[in-house]
């Protein structure tokens, strides 16, 4: 019987500090990819051409989360899970944040910090 090696059980493993994509369950990734496929009807990578106003992605994510919270599992139009739609919207917002792109579309409320009383 062949011994199954565990992650990192090699003599020359240089994986330390690298993302462990193998830890992400494949089902949700596939479903978020299917949501992305559905969005191609609006233009391939349309989120990257001009960018969306941040509130649009945020509002869409919130609507999908709310529909899921109220017991509706699937989006009626796409027949894909509401949570996959919400993750897609949050994924794009995270991409905008990480890349620093489309900051001109950042229409969030920016609350000034409140100073502590002395």
Protein backbone atom coordinates (compact mmCIF):
# COMPACT_ATOMS: atom_id res chain seq x y z
CA UNK A 1 0.00 0.00 0.00
CA UNK A 2 1.36 3.40 -0.96
CA UNK A 3 1.71 5.93 1.82
CA UNK A 4 -0.24 9.13 1.20
CA UNK A 5 1.88 12.19 1.73
CA UNK A 6 0.50 15.10 3.64
CA UNK A 7 0.75 18.70 2.50
CA UNK A 8 4.33 19.86 2.93
CA UNK A 9 5.77 16.33 3.41
CA UNK A 10 8.44 16.76 0.76
CA UNK A 11 12.16 17.16 1.14
CA UNK A 12 12.12 20.45 -0.76
CA UNK A 13 8.90 22.15 0.25
CA UNK A 14 8.92 25.88 -0.38
CA UNK A 15 5.23 26.33 0.36
CA UNK A 16 5.57 28.18 3.65
CA UNK A 17 3.62 31.43 3.62
CA UNK A 18 1.92 30.65 0.29
CA UNK A 19 -1.88 30.68 0.00
CA UNK A 20 -3.45 27.29 0.63
CA UNK A 21 -6.03 27.22 -2.17
CA UNK A 22 -6.50 23.52 -1.48
CA UNK A 23 -8.24 24.51 1.77
CA UNK A 24 -11.02 26.34 -0.07
CA UNK A 25 -13.95 24.04 -0.77
CA UNK A 26 -14.49 23.72 -4.54
CA UNK A 27 -18.29 23.96 -4.60
CA UNK A 28 -18.59 27.61 -3.57
CA UNK A 29 -15.76 28.69 -5.91
CA UNK A 30 -17.51 26.96 -8.80
CA UNK A 31 -20.84 28.65 -7.99
CA UNK A 32 -19.24 32.10 -7.74
CA UNK A 33 -17.63 31.40 -11.10
CA UNK A 34 -21.05 30.55 -12.50
CA UNK A 35 -22.35 33.91 -11.25
CA UNK A 36 -19.43 35.55 -13.06
CA UNK A 37 -20.36 33.63 -16.22
CA UNK A 38 -23.91 34.92 -15.97
CA UNK A 39 -22.61 38.48 -15.75
CA UNK A 40 -20.84 38.19 -19.10
CA UNK A 41 -24.12 39.19 -20.74
CA UNK A 42 -23.35 42.71 -19.48
CA UNK A 43 -19.87 42.57 -21.03
CA UNK A 44 -16.87 40.43 -20.24
CA UNK A 45 -15.03 41.79 -17.20
CA UNK A 46 -17.32 44.81 -17.16
CA UNK A 47 -16.42 45.35 -13.49
CA UNK A 48 -12.85 46.10 -14.64
CA UNK A 49 -13.57 48.39 -17.58
CA UNK A 50 -14.97 51.44 -15.85
CA UNK A 51 -15.63 49.92 -12.47
CA UNK A 52 -18.88 50.01 -10.59
CA UNK A 53 -19.94 52.58 -8.06
CA UNK A 54 -19.15 50.86 -4.76
CA UNK A 55 -22.69 51.33 -3.47
CA UNK A 56 -24.03 49.29 -6.39
CA UNK A 57 -21.99 46.22 -5.42
CA UNK A 58 -22.73 46.75 -1.74
CA UNK A 59 -26.48 47.11 -2.32
CA UNK A 60 -26.58 44.04 -4.55
CA UNK A 61 -24.70 41.97 -1.96
CA UNK A 62 -27.09 43.17 0.74
CA UNK A 63 -30.18 42.31 -1.34
CA UNK A 64 -28.89 38.79 -1.98
CA UNK A 65 -28.01 38.29 1.69
CA UNK A 66 -31.42 39.60 2.73
CA UNK A 67 -33.22 37.27 0.29
CA UNK A 68 -31.20 34.34 1.64
CA UNK A 69 -31.88 35.41 5.23
CA UNK A 70 -35.60 35.42 4.49
CA UNK A 71 -35.38 31.82 3.30
CA UNK A 72 -34.99 32.17 -0.47
CA UNK A 73 -32.06 29.96 -1.46
CA UNK A 74 -31.84 30.65 -5.19
CA UNK A 75 -31.93 33.84 -7.22
CA UNK A 76 -35.10 33.61 -9.36
CA UNK A 77 -33.38 34.90 -12.51
CA UNK A 78 -30.18 32.83 -12.49
CA UNK A 79 -31.28 29.86 -10.37
CA UNK A 80 -27.93 30.22 -8.58
CA UNK A 81 -27.56 30.62 -4.81
CA UNK A 82 -28.11 34.12 -3.45
CA UNK A 83 -24.99 33.69 -1.33
CA UNK A 84 -22.88 33.07 -4.47
CA UNK A 85 -24.20 36.36 -5.87
CA UNK A 86 -23.39 38.15 -2.61
CA UNK A 87 -19.87 36.70 -2.56
CA UNK A 88 -19.33 37.80 -6.17
CA UNK A 89 -20.27 41.38 -5.29
CA UNK A 90 -18.02 41.38 -2.22
CA UNK A 91 -15.22 39.78 -4.26
CA UNK A 92 -15.33 42.71 -6.69
CA UNK A 93 -15.31 45.24 -3.83
CA UNK A 94 -12.33 43.45 -2.31
CA UNK A 95 -10.57 43.47 -5.69
CA UNK A 96 -11.16 47.22 -5.98
CA UNK A 97 -9.75 47.71 -2.48
CA UNK A 98 -6.69 45.50 -3.02
CA UNK A 99 -5.79 46.98 -6.39
CA UNK A 100 -6.63 50.59 -5.57
CA UNK A 101 -8.60 50.77 -8.81
CA UNK A 102 -11.69 52.86 -9.31
CA UNK A 103 -11.30 54.88 -6.14
CA UNK A 104 -13.23 57.57 -8.02
CA UNK A 105 -16.23 55.23 -7.70
CA UNK A 106 -15.87 54.95 -3.92
CA UNK A 107 -19.12 56.51 -2.74
CA UNK A 108 -19.08 55.03 0.77
CA UNK A 109 -19.94 57.16 3.74
CA UNK A 110 -16.63 58.13 5.27
CA UNK A 111 -17.33 58.82 8.90
CA UNK A 112 -14.77 60.96 10.65
CA UNK A 113 -13.38 59.46 13.82
CA UNK A 114 -14.89 60.78 17.02
CA UNK A 115 -12.38 62.05 19.52
CA UNK A 116 -12.59 60.68 23.02
CA UNK A 117 -13.64 63.25 25.65
CA UNK A 118 -10.80 64.41 27.86
